[in-house]
């Protein structure tokens, strides 16, 4: 857990995730190096904005576009809800 104003660095290829477990709004600033993976989040946001259902199938398609797999496919059952992790 990271408090307001905190930061976290995640090495490439490491499983990670984030979520807001409160009922208050939260902000998250992400920095990707090298550039490019931020497109995954833009594509998800565009799907939501257009009213397209964000289904597991859509996420698989978008993850493939950015050479990414869900962390749950790498670290086993019981990890549903984790965000994707980049393939090394």
PDB file of N, CA and C in Angstrom:
ATOM      1  N   UNK A   1       0.845  -1.164   0.000  1.00  0.00           N
ATOM      2  CA  UNK A   1       0.000   0.000   0.000  1.00  0.00           C
ATOM      3  C   UNK A   1       0.893   1.231   0.000  1.00  0.00           C
ATOM      4  N   UNK A   2       0.499   2.229  -0.771  1.00  0.00           N
ATOM      5  CA  UNK A   2       1.250   3.472  -0.869  1.00  0.00           C
ATOM      6  C   UNK A   2       0.332   4.621  -0.477  1.00  0.00           C
ATOM      7  N   UNK A   3       0.789   5.433   0.450  1.00  0.00           N
ATOM      8  CA  UNK A   3       0.000   6.583   0.907  1.00  0.00           C
ATOM      9  C   UNK A   3       0.090   7.718  -0.105  1.00  0.00           C
ATOM     10  N   UNK A   4      -0.789   8.702   0.051  1.00  0.00           N
ATOM     11  CA  UNK A   4      -0.774   9.875  -0.812  1.00  0.00           C
ATOM     12  C   UNK A   4       0.614  10.490  -0.889  1.00  0.00           C
ATOM     13  N   UNK A   5       1.020  10.841  -2.100  1.00  0.00           N
ATOM     14  CA  UNK A   5       2.326  11.437  -2.301  1.00  0.00           C
ATOM     15  C   UNK A   5       3.450  10.427  -2.435  1.00  0.00           C
ATOM     16  N   UNK A   6       3.158   9.143  -2.223  1.00  0.00           N
ATOM     17  CA  UNK A   6       4.170   8.103  -2.300  1.00  0.00           C
ATOM     18  C   UNK A   6       4.455   7.700  -3.734  1.00  0.00           C
ATOM     19  N   UNK A   7       5.453   6.850  -3.902  1.00  0.00           N
ATOM     20  CA  UNK A   7       5.784   6.359  -5.230  1.00  0.00           C
ATOM     21  C   UNK A   7       6.265   4.921  -5.157  1.00  0.00           C
ATOM     22  N   UNK A   8       6.169   4.251  -6.296  1.00  0.00           N
ATOM     23  CA  UNK A   8       6.587   2.858  -6.422  1.00  0.00           C
ATOM     24  C   UNK A   8       7.286   2.704  -7.767  1.00  0.00           C
ATOM     25  N   UNK A   9       8.351   1.942  -7.796  1.00  0.00           N
ATOM     26  CA  UNK A   9       9.018   1.600  -9.053  1.00  0.00           C
ATOM     27  C   UNK A   9       8.857   0.107  -9.266  1.00  0.00           C
ATOM     28  N   UNK A  10       8.419  -0.281 -10.455  1.00  0.00           N
ATOM     29  CA  UNK A  10       8.211  -1.689 -10.773  1.00  0.00           C
ATOM     30  C   UNK A  10       9.154  -2.058 -11.915  1.00  0.00           C
ATOM     31  N   UNK A  11      10.067  -2.993 -11.674  1.00  0.00           N
ATOM     32  CA  UNK A  11      10.961  -3.413 -12.758  1.00  0.00           C
ATOM     33  C   UNK A  11      10.178  -4.045 -13.900  1.00  0.00           C
ATOM     34  N   UNK A  12      10.667  -3.874 -15.099  1.00  0.00           N
ATOM     35  CA  UNK A  12      10.027  -4.439 -16.282  1.00  0.00           C
ATOM     36  C   UNK A  12       9.837  -5.951 -16.109  1.00  0.00           C
ATOM     37  N   UNK A  13       8.659  -6.415 -16.489  1.00  0.00           N
ATOM     38  CA  UNK A  13       8.367  -7.835 -16.444  1.00  0.00           C
ATOM     39  C   UNK A  13       7.883  -8.347 -15.108  1.00  0.00           C
ATOM     40  N   UNK A  14       7.796  -7.492 -14.105  1.00  0.00           N
ATOM     41  CA  UNK A  14       7.331  -7.921 -12.784  1.00  0.00           C
ATOM     42  C   UNK A  14       5.821  -7.759 -12.670  1.00  0.00           C
ATOM     43  N   UNK A  15       5.169  -8.746 -12.090  1.00  0.00           N
ATOM     44  CA  UNK A  15       3.731  -8.666 -11.867  1.00  0.00           C
ATOM     45  C   UNK A  15       3.445  -7.528 -10.902  1.00  0.00           C
ATOM     46  N   UNK A  16       2.405  -6.773 -11.201  1.00  0.00           N
ATOM     47  CA  UNK A  16       2.030  -5.657 -10.343  1.00  0.00           C
ATOM     48  C   UNK A  16       0.575  -5.308 -10.600  1.00  0.00           C
ATOM     49  N   UNK A  17       0.032  -4.498  -9.769  1.00  0.00           N
ATOM     50  CA  UNK A  17      -1.337  -4.055  -9.933  1.00  0.00           C
ATOM     51  C   UNK A  17      -1.608  -2.865  -9.045  1.00  0.00           C
ATOM     52  N   UNK A  18      -2.714  -2.226  -9.283  1.00  0.00           N
ATOM     53  CA  UNK A  18      -3.133  -1.146  -8.412  1.00  0.00           C
ATOM     54  C   UNK A  18      -4.652  -1.083  -8.389  1.00  0.00           C
ATOM     55  N   UNK A  19      -5.148  -0.599  -7.288  1.00  0.00           N
ATOM     56  CA  UNK A  19      -6.592  -0.387  -7.141  1.00  0.00           C
ATOM     57  C   UNK A  19      -6.822   0.568  -5.983  1.00  0.00           C
ATOM     58  N   UNK A  20      -7.932   1.227  -6.027  1.00  0.00           N
ATOM     59  CA  UNK A  20      -8.344   2.142  -4.971  1.00  0.00           C
ATOM     60  C   UNK A  20      -9.344   1.389  -4.103  1.00  0.00           C
ATOM     61  N   UNK A  21      -8.985   1.118  -2.865  1.00  0.00           N
ATOM     62  CA  UNK A  21      -9.854   0.346  -1.978  1.00  0.00           C
ATOM     63  C   UNK A  21     -10.710   1.249  -1.091  1.00  0.00           C
ATOM     64  N   UNK A  22     -10.727   2.548  -1.394  1.00  0.00           N
ATOM     65  CA  UNK A  22     -11.546   3.482  -0.630  1.00  0.00           C
ATOM     66  C   UNK A  22     -12.746   3.901  -1.461  1.00  0.00           C
ATOM     67  N   UNK A  23     -13.621   4.688  -0.855  1.00  0.00           N
ATOM     68  CA  UNK A  23     -14.758   5.225  -1.595  1.00  0.00           C
ATOM     69  C   UNK A  23     -14.469   6.642  -2.089  1.00  0.00           C
ATOM     70  N   UNK A  24     -13.221   7.078  -1.977  1.00  0.00           N
ATOM     71  CA  UNK A  24     -12.823   8.412  -2.428  1.00  0.00           C
ATOM     72  C   UNK A  24     -12.094   8.308  -3.772  1.00  0.00           C
ATOM     73  N   UNK A  25     -12.121   9.400  -4.528  1.00  0.00           N
ATOM     74  CA  UNK A  25     -11.370   9.441  -5.781  1.00  0.00           C
ATOM     75  C   UNK A  25      -9.884   9.350  -5.487  1.00  0.00           C
ATOM     76  N   UNK A  26      -9.162   8.781  -6.408  1.00  0.00           N
ATOM     77  CA  UNK A  26      -7.704   8.682  -6.284  1.00  0.00           C
ATOM     78  C   UNK A  26      -7.085   9.043  -7.627  1.00  0.00           C
ATOM     79  N   UNK A  27      -5.869   9.547  -7.579  1.00  0.00           N
ATOM     80  CA  UNK A  27      -5.121   9.852  -8.795  1.00  0.00           C
ATOM     81  C   UNK A  27      -3.877   8.992  -8.839  1.00  0.00           C
ATOM     82  N   UNK A  28      -3.500   8.652 -10.059  1.00  0.00           N
ATOM     83  CA  UNK A  28      -2.324   7.832 -10.267  1.00  0.00           C
ATOM     84  C   UNK A  28      -1.572   8.405 -11.452  1.00  0.00           C
ATOM     85  N   UNK A  29      -0.302   8.633 -11.281  1.00  0.00           N
ATOM     86  CA  UNK A  29       0.550   9.090 -12.371  1.00  0.00           C
ATOM     87  C   UNK A  29       1.500   7.958 -12.717  1.00  0.00           C
ATOM     88  N   UNK A  30       1.535   7.589 -13.985  1.00  0.00           N
ATOM     89  CA  UNK A  30       2.391   6.501 -14.440  1.00  0.00           C
ATOM     90  C   UNK A  30       3.452   7.034 -15.387  1.00  0.00           C
ATOM     91  N   UNK A  31       4.623   6.460 -15.311  1.00  0.00           N
ATOM     92  CA  UNK A  31       5.710   6.785 -16.225  1.00  0.00           C
ATOM     93  C   UNK A  31       6.210   5.478 -16.811  1.00  0.00           C
ATOM     94  N   UNK A  32       6.196   5.377 -18.140  1.00  0.00           N
ATOM     95  CA  UNK A  32       6.619   4.147 -18.811  1.00  0.00           C
ATOM     96  C   UNK A  32       7.905   4.401 -19.584  1.00  0.00           C
ATOM     97  N   UNK A  33       8.856   3.521 -19.386  1.00  0.00           N
ATOM     98  CA  UNK A  33      10.085   3.570 -20.190  1.00  0.00           C
ATOM     99  C   UNK A  33      10.406   2.155 -20.635  1.00  0.00           C
ATOM    100  N   UNK A  34      10.688   1.939 -21.891  1.00  0.00           N
ATOM    101  CA  UNK A  34      10.579   2.935 -22.949  1.00  0.00           C
ATOM    102  C   UNK A  34       9.123   3.265 -23.235  1.00  0.00           C
ATOM    103  N   UNK A  35       8.912   4.347 -23.939  1.00  0.00           N
ATOM    104  CA  UNK A  35       7.554   4.790 -24.260  1.00  0.00           C
ATOM    105  C   UNK A  35       6.846   3.759 -25.133  1.00  0.00           C
ATOM    106  N   UNK A  36       5.523   3.770 -25.088  1.00  0.00           N
ATOM    107  CA  UNK A  36       4.719   2.918 -25.948  1.00  0.00           C
ATOM    108  C   UNK A  36       3.615   2.180 -25.215  1.00  0.00           C
ATOM    109  N   UNK A  37       3.919   1.683 -24.024  1.00  0.00           N
ATOM    110  CA  UNK A  37       2.928   0.874 -23.319  1.00  0.00           C
ATOM    111  C   UNK A  37       1.743   1.697 -22.827  1.00  0.00           C
ATOM    112  N   UNK A  38       1.932   2.997 -22.691  1.00  0.00           N
ATOM    113  CA  UNK A  38       0.824   3.841 -22.252  1.00  0.00           C
ATOM    114  C   UNK A  38      -0.360   3.737 -23.215  1.00  0.00           C
ATOM    115  N   UNK A  39      -0.093   3.320 -24.458  1.00  0.00           N
ATOM    116  CA  UNK A  39      -1.162   3.133 -25.429  1.00  0.00           C
ATOM    117  C   UNK A  39      -2.187   2.104 -24.988  1.00  0.00           C
ATOM    118  N   UNK A  40      -1.755   1.110 -24.218  1.00  0.00           N
ATOM    119  CA  UNK A  40      -2.697   0.104 -23.703  1.00  0.00           C
ATOM    120  C   UNK A  40      -3.782   0.790 -22.876  1.00  0.00           C
ATOM    121  N   UNK A  41      -3.365   1.674 -21.970  1.00  0.00           N
ATOM    122  CA  UNK A  41      -4.327   2.351 -21.104  1.00  0.00           C
ATOM    123  C   UNK A  41      -5.191   3.328 -21.894  1.00  0.00           C
ATOM    124  N   UNK A  42      -4.613   3.961 -22.906  1.00  0.00           N
ATOM    125  CA  UNK A  42      -5.418   4.825 -23.767  1.00  0.00           C
ATOM    126  C   UNK A  42      -6.481   4.010 -24.492  1.00  0.00           C
ATOM    127  N   UNK A  43      -6.111   2.849 -24.997  1.00  0.00           N
ATOM    128  CA  UNK A  43      -7.070   2.001 -25.708  1.00  0.00           C
ATOM    129  C   UNK A  43      -8.191   1.531 -24.786  1.00  0.00           C
ATOM    130  N   UNK A  44      -7.864   1.179 -23.554  1.00  0.00           N
ATOM    131  CA  UNK A  44      -8.901   0.785 -22.590  1.00  0.00           C
ATOM    132  C   UNK A  44      -9.818   1.975 -22.318  1.00  0.00           C
ATOM    133  N   UNK A  45      -9.241   3.156 -22.095  1.00  0.00           N
ATOM    134  CA  UNK A  45     -10.043   4.356 -21.827  1.00  0.00           C
ATOM    135  C   UNK A  45     -10.949   4.683 -23.011  1.00  0.00           C
ATOM    136  N   UNK A  46     -10.436   4.537 -24.238  1.00  0.00           N
ATOM    137  CA  UNK A  46     -11.250   4.796 -25.425  1.00  0.00           C
ATOM    138  C   UNK A  46     -12.413   3.815 -25.524  1.00  0.00           C
ATOM    139  N   UNK A  47     -12.166   2.565 -25.190  1.00  0.00           N
ATOM    140  CA  UNK A  47     -13.253   1.576 -25.214  1.00  0.00           C
ATOM    141  C   UNK A  47     -14.336   1.956 -24.209  1.00  0.00           C
ATOM    142  N   UNK A  48     -13.922   2.348 -23.017  1.00  0.00           N
ATOM    143  CA  UNK A  48     -14.891   2.756 -21.985  1.00  0.00           C
ATOM    144  C   UNK A  48     -15.672   3.977 -22.445  1.00  0.00           C
ATOM    145  N   UNK A  49     -14.964   4.986 -22.966  1.00  0.00           N
ATOM    146  CA  UNK A  49     -15.610   6.226 -23.402  1.00  0.00           C
ATOM    147  C   UNK A  49     -16.603   5.993 -24.530  1.00  0.00           C
ATOM    148  N   UNK A  50     -16.332   5.011 -25.385  1.00  0.00           N
ATOM    149  CA  UNK A  50     -17.225   4.730 -26.510  1.00  0.00           C
ATOM    150  C   UNK A  50     -18.397   3.837 -26.117  1.00  0.00           C
ATOM    151  N   UNK A  51     -18.381   3.360 -24.870  1.00  0.00           N
ATOM    152  CA  UNK A  51     -19.460   2.490 -24.414  1.00  0.00           C
ATOM    153  C   UNK A  51     -19.222   1.021 -24.711  1.00  0.00           C
ATOM    154  N   UNK A  52     -18.060   0.703 -25.271  1.00  0.00           N
ATOM    155  CA  UNK A  52     -17.740  -0.691 -25.564  1.00  0.00           C
ATOM    156  C   UNK A  52     -17.509  -1.443 -24.249  1.00  0.00           C
ATOM    157  N   UNK A  53     -18.109  -2.618 -24.088  1.00  0.00           N
ATOM    158  CA  UNK A  53     -17.869  -3.390 -22.867  1.00  0.00           C
ATOM    159  C   UNK A  53     -16.398  -3.802 -22.782  1.00  0.00           C
ATOM    160  N   UNK A  54     -15.806  -3.613 -21.628  1.00  0.00           N
ATOM    161  CA  UNK A  54     -14.415  -4.032 -21.422  1.00  0.00           C
ATOM    162  C   UNK A  54     -14.466  -5.479 -20.919  1.00  0.00           C
ATOM    163  N   UNK A  55     -14.445  -6.384 -21.867  1.00  0.00           N
ATOM    164  CA  UNK A  55     -14.559  -7.815 -21.581  1.00  0.00           C
ATOM    165  C   UNK A  55     -13.170  -8.430 -21.456  1.00  0.00           C
ATOM    166  N   UNK A  56     -13.090  -9.613 -20.867  1.00  0.00           N
ATOM    167  CA  UNK A  56     -11.802 -10.312 -20.839  1.00  0.00           C
ATOM    168  C   UNK A  56     -11.227 -10.497 -22.245  1.00  0.00           C
ATOM    169  N   UNK A  57     -12.102 -10.728 -23.228  1.00  0.00           N
ATOM    170  CA  UNK A  57     -11.633 -10.923 -24.600  1.00  0.00           C
ATOM    171  C   UNK A  57     -11.000  -9.638 -25.158  1.00  0.00           C
ATOM    172  N   UNK A  58     -11.614  -8.495 -24.877  1.00  0.00           N
ATOM    173  CA  UNK A  58     -11.051  -7.227 -25.329  1.00  0.00           C
ATOM    174  C   UNK A  58      -9.694  -6.990 -24.674  1.00  0.00           C
ATOM    175  N   UNK A  59      -9.596  -7.259 -23.373  1.00  0.00           N
ATOM    176  CA  UNK A  59      -8.322  -7.057 -22.677  1.00  0.00           C
ATOM    177  C   UNK A  59      -7.240  -7.970 -23.229  1.00  0.00           C
ATOM    178  N   UNK A  60      -7.585  -9.207 -23.568  1.00  0.00           N
ATOM    179  CA  UNK A  60      -6.607 -10.116 -24.180  1.00  0.00           C
ATOM    180  C   UNK A  60      -6.133  -9.528 -25.506  1.00  0.00           C
ATOM    181  N   UNK A  61      -7.065  -9.024 -26.306  1.00  0.00           N
ATOM    182  CA  UNK A  61      -6.708  -8.426 -27.600  1.00  0.00           C
ATOM    183  C   UNK A  61      -5.779  -7.222 -27.410  1.00  0.00           C
ATOM    184  N   UNK A  62      -6.119  -6.342 -26.484  1.00  0.00           N
ATOM    185  CA  UNK A  62      -5.295  -5.154 -26.256  1.00  0.00           C
ATOM    186  C   UNK A  62      -3.937  -5.530 -25.666  1.00  0.00           C
ATOM    187  N   UNK A  63      -3.925  -6.486 -24.762  1.00  0.00           N
ATOM    188  CA  UNK A  63      -2.645  -6.913 -24.184  1.00  0.00           C
ATOM    189  C   UNK A  63      -1.724  -7.475 -25.261  1.00  0.00           C
ATOM    190  N   UNK A  64      -2.288  -8.235 -26.189  1.00  0.00           N
ATOM    191  CA  UNK A  64      -1.476  -8.799 -27.273  1.00  0.00           C
ATOM    192  C   UNK A  64      -0.883  -7.686 -28.132  1.00  0.00           C
ATOM    193  N   UNK A  65      -1.639  -6.631 -28.342  1.00  0.00           N
ATOM    194  CA  UNK A  65      -1.169  -5.493 -29.140  1.00  0.00           C
ATOM    195  C   UNK A  65       0.074  -4.862 -28.514  1.00  0.00           C
ATOM    196  N   UNK A  66       0.163  -4.926 -27.183  1.00  0.00           N
ATOM    197  CA  UNK A  66       1.278  -4.296 -26.464  1.00  0.00           C
ATOM    198  C   UNK A  66       2.228  -5.324 -25.848  1.00  0.00           C
ATOM    199  N   UNK A  67       2.211  -6.544 -26.385  1.00  0.00           N
ATOM    200  CA  UNK A  67       3.138  -7.594 -25.942  1.00  0.00           C
ATOM    201  C   UNK A  67       3.085  -7.794 -24.430  1.00  0.00           C
ATOM    202  N   UNK A  68       1.882  -7.954 -23.920  1.00  0.00           N
ATOM    203  CA  UNK A  68       1.640  -8.045 -22.487  1.00  0.00           C
ATOM    204  C   UNK A  68       0.707  -9.213 -22.195  1.00  0.00           C
ATOM    205  N   UNK A  69       0.852  -9.812 -21.041  1.00  0.00           N
ATOM    206  CA  UNK A  69      -0.091 -10.827 -20.576  1.00  0.00           C
ATOM    207  C   UNK A  69      -0.560 -10.450 -19.181  1.00  0.00           C
ATOM    208  N   UNK A  70      -1.710 -10.960 -18.799  1.00  0.00           N
ATOM    209  CA  UNK A  70      -2.216 -10.708 -17.452  1.00  0.00           C
ATOM    210  C   UNK A  70      -1.318 -11.389 -16.436  1.00  0.00           C
ATOM    211  N   UNK A  71      -1.085 -10.727 -15.331  1.00  0.00           N
ATOM    212  CA  UNK A  71      -0.241 -11.306 -14.286  1.00  0.00           C
ATOM    213  C   UNK A  71      -0.799 -12.634 -13.818  1.00  0.00           C
ATOM    214  N   UNK A  72      -2.128 -12.775 -13.799  1.00  0.00           N
ATOM    215  CA  UNK A  72      -2.723 -14.021 -13.314  1.00  0.00           C
ATOM    216  C   UNK A  72      -2.347 -15.204 -14.183  1.00  0.00           C
ATOM    217  N   UNK A  73      -1.988 -14.967 -15.456  1.00  0.00           N
ATOM    218  CA  UNK A  73      -1.579 -16.082 -16.298  1.00  0.00           C
ATOM    219  C   UNK A  73      -0.139 -16.475 -16.014  1.00  0.00           C
ATOM    220  N   UNK A  74       0.593 -15.623 -15.328  1.00  0.00           N
ATOM    221  CA  UNK A  74       1.985 -15.901 -15.018  1.00  0.00           C
ATOM    222  C   UNK A  74       2.175 -16.467 -13.616  1.00  0.00           C
ATOM    223  N   UNK A  75       1.334 -16.042 -12.675  1.00  0.00           N
ATOM    224  CA  UNK A  75       1.583 -16.419 -11.289  1.00  0.00           C
ATOM    225  C   UNK A  75       0.503 -17.301 -10.689  1.00  0.00           C
ATOM    226  N   UNK A  76      -0.444 -17.732 -11.501  1.00  0.00           N
ATOM    227  CA  UNK A  76      -1.379 -18.748 -11.064  1.00  0.00           C
ATOM    228  C   UNK A  76      -2.729 -18.246 -10.618  1.00  0.00           C
ATOM    229  N   UNK A  77      -3.579 -19.191 -10.209  1.00  0.00           N
ATOM    230  CA  UNK A  77      -4.945 -18.864  -9.825  1.00  0.00           C
ATOM    231  C   UNK A  77      -4.980 -18.028  -8.552  1.00  0.00           C
ATOM    232  N   UNK A  78      -6.081 -17.315  -8.397  1.00  0.00           N
ATOM    233  CA  UNK A  78      -6.252 -16.482  -7.201  1.00  0.00           C
ATOM    234  C   UNK A  78      -5.658 -15.110  -7.352  1.00  0.00           C
ATOM    235  N   UNK A  79      -5.205 -14.769  -8.552  1.00  0.00           N
ATOM    236  CA  UNK A  79      -4.595 -13.462  -8.758  1.00  0.00           C
ATOM    237  C   UNK A  79      -5.432 -12.602  -9.691  1.00  0.00           C
ATOM    238  N   UNK A  80      -6.683 -12.980  -9.891  1.00  0.00           N
ATOM    239  CA  UNK A  80      -7.556 -12.224 -10.772  1.00  0.00           C
ATOM    240  C   UNK A  80      -7.641 -10.778 -10.286  1.00  0.00           C
ATOM    241  N   UNK A  81      -7.761  -9.867 -11.226  1.00  0.00           N
ATOM    242  CA  UNK A  81      -7.876  -8.463 -10.884  1.00  0.00           C
ATOM    243  C   UNK A  81      -6.543  -7.730 -10.909  1.00  0.00           C
ATOM    244  N   UNK A  82      -5.452  -8.479 -11.011  1.00  0.00           N
ATOM    245  CA  UNK A  82      -4.172  -7.812 -11.131  1.00  0.00           C
ATOM    246  C   UNK A  82      -4.041  -7.218 -12.514  1.00  0.00           C
ATOM    247  N   UNK A  83      -3.363  -6.119 -12.612  1.00  0.00           N
ATOM    248  CA  UNK A  83      -3.142  -5.508 -13.911  1.00  0.00           C
ATOM    249  C   UNK A  83      -2.113  -6.295 -14.688  1.00  0.00           C
ATOM    250  N   UNK A  84      -2.092  -6.082 -15.981  1.00  0.00           N
ATOM    251  CA  UNK A  84      -1.136  -6.820 -16.795  1.00  0.00           C
ATOM    252  C   UNK A  84       0.306  -6.482 -16.466  1.00  0.00           C
ATOM    253  N   UNK A  85       1.174  -7.350 -16.840  1.00  0.00           N
ATOM    254  CA  UNK A  85       2.604  -7.138 -16.669  1.00  0.00           C
ATOM    255  C   UNK A  85       3.294  -7.308 -18.007  1.00  0.00           C
ATOM    256  N   UNK A  86       4.273  -6.510 -18.280  1.00  0.00           N
ATOM    257  CA  UNK A  86       4.968  -6.581 -19.572  1.00  0.00           C
ATOM    258  C   UNK A  86       5.778  -7.860 -19.666  1.00  0.00           C
ATOM    259  N   UNK A  87       5.808  -8.423 -20.853  1.00  0.00           N
ATOM    260  CA  UNK A  87       6.657  -9.592 -21.092  1.00  0.00           C
ATOM    261  C   UNK A  87       8.094  -9.130 -21.208  1.00  0.00           C
ATOM    262  N   UNK A  88       9.014  -9.869 -20.577  1.00  0.00           N
ATOM    263  CA  UNK A  88      10.428  -9.510 -20.608  1.00  0.00           C
ATOM    264  C   UNK A  88      10.979  -9.779 -21.926  1.00  0.00           C
TER     265      UNK A  88
END
